[in-house]
Protein backbone atom coordinates (compact mmCIF):
# COMPACT_ATOMS: atom_id res chain seq x y z
CA MET A 1 26.40 8.95 -12.47
CA THR A 2 27.06 8.02 -8.94
CA PHE A 3 23.32 8.47 -7.09
CA GLY A 4 20.96 9.69 -10.36
CA ALA A 5 20.52 9.78 -14.34
CA ALA A 6 22.85 11.71 -16.37
CA SER A 7 19.46 13.60 -17.44
CA ILE A 8 16.80 14.56 -15.54
CA PHE A 9 13.43 16.12 -16.96
CA ARG A 10 11.94 17.94 -13.69
CA PRO A 11 8.42 20.44 -14.61
CA ASP A 12 8.04 23.45 -12.15
CA ALA A 13 4.26 22.25 -11.26
CA ARG A 14 2.78 25.56 -9.80
CA ILE A 15 -1.22 24.71 -9.13
CA ALA A 16 -3.07 27.03 -6.42
CA GLY A 17 -7.17 26.64 -5.95
CA PRO A 18 -9.62 24.24 -4.11
CA ASP A 19 -9.03 21.26 -7.13
CA VAL A 20 -5.89 20.99 -8.31
CA ALA A 21 -6.40 17.36 -9.59
CA GLU A 22 -7.47 18.43 -13.35
CA PRO A 23 -5.17 21.06 -13.59
CA LEU A 24 -2.37 18.84 -12.49
CA ASP A 25 -3.38 16.30 -14.99
CA GLU A 26 -3.64 17.82 -17.54
CA LEU A 27 -0.18 19.59 -17.02
CA LEU A 28 0.94 15.85 -16.98
CA SER A 29 -0.48 14.93 -20.02
CA CYS A 30 0.97 17.95 -21.64
CA TRP A 31 4.45 16.70 -20.40
CA ARG A 32 4.14 13.80 -21.49
CA GLY A 33 3.96 14.74 -24.75
CA HIS A 34 6.70 16.76 -24.58
CA LEU A 35 9.20 14.05 -23.12
CA ALA A 36 7.63 12.06 -26.44
CA ARG A 37 9.28 14.54 -28.39
CA VAL A 38 12.37 15.40 -26.81
CA THR A 39 15.32 13.53 -29.08
CA ASP A 40 18.14 15.16 -26.66
CA PHE A 41 18.79 12.58 -23.45
CA GLY A 42 20.49 10.51 -21.93
CA GLY A 43 18.47 6.98 -23.66
CA ASP A 44 18.34 4.41 -20.94
CA ASP A 45 20.09 7.35 -17.85
CA THR A 46 17.58 8.96 -18.14
CA SER A 47 14.47 10.31 -15.15
CA ALA A 48 11.66 12.23 -15.08
CA LEU A 49 10.94 13.76 -11.37
CA VAL A 50 7.91 15.43 -10.05
CA THR A 51 8.02 17.17 -6.81
CA TRP A 52 4.71 17.60 -5.20
CA PRO A 53 3.91 18.98 -1.33
CA SER A 54 3.17 15.37 0.38
CA ARG A 55 0.16 17.18 2.41
CA ASP A 56 -1.18 18.57 -1.19
CA ILE A 57 -3.47 14.86 -1.21
CA GLY A 58 -5.33 16.59 -4.02
CA GLY A 59 -2.73 15.87 -6.84
CA ALA A 60 -2.53 12.37 -5.71
CA ALA A 61 -4.69 10.43 -7.50
CA ALA A 62 -3.73 12.45 -11.07
CA LEU A 63 0.07 11.36 -10.22
CA LEU A 64 -0.74 8.03 -9.73
CA ARG A 65 -2.90 7.94 -12.84
CA HIS A 66 0.44 9.36 -14.92
CA GLY A 67 2.58 6.00 -13.86
CA LEU A 68 4.13 8.21 -11.08
CA ALA A 69 4.78 6.76 -7.71
CA PRO A 70 6.49 8.47 -4.88
CA LEU A 71 10.04 7.78 -4.47
CA SER A 72 11.35 9.66 -1.12
CA VAL A 73 8.87 11.23 1.99
CA VAL A 74 9.82 13.92 3.99
CA ALA A 75 7.44 13.86 6.85
CA ALA A 76 6.95 17.40 8.86
CA ARG A 77 5.20 18.05 11.87
CA THR A 78 3.43 21.16 13.98
CA ALA A 79 6.00 23.31 15.59
CA GLY A 80 6.48 22.95 19.28
CA ARG A 81 5.22 19.52 19.17
CA HIS A 82 7.26 17.04 20.06
CA PRO A 83 7.00 12.72 19.62
CA ALA A 84 4.95 11.27 22.57
CA ARG A 85 7.72 9.87 25.59
CA ASP A 86 7.04 6.76 27.01
CA PRO A 87 7.81 7.90 30.80
CA GLY A 88 8.85 3.85 31.63
CA LYS A 89 11.69 4.60 29.63
CA ALA A 90 15.44 6.03 30.56
CA ARG A 91 15.91 8.48 28.61
CA GLU A 92 18.75 7.64 25.66
CA THR A 93 21.70 9.98 25.01
CA CYS A 94 24.56 10.50 22.37
């Protein structure tokens, strides 16, 4: 595979409520146990991916406790807002 692993394991984590850390921690523990029992995988060419919204910081500690770290981050800003422009700089054109 050019841009990824041959075998990818990805849970569908849907957790709602004011406290997501504890349920996410439990889900990740169960998932780790499940992955330990999986025998049909690509050996060294295997990855485990969790997609988590970057604005939902409640689950970050649980993800870190399980050894997960961000590989990519997508930034977002509210609609109608533009990055600050320096009025002293000329406007760049393509």
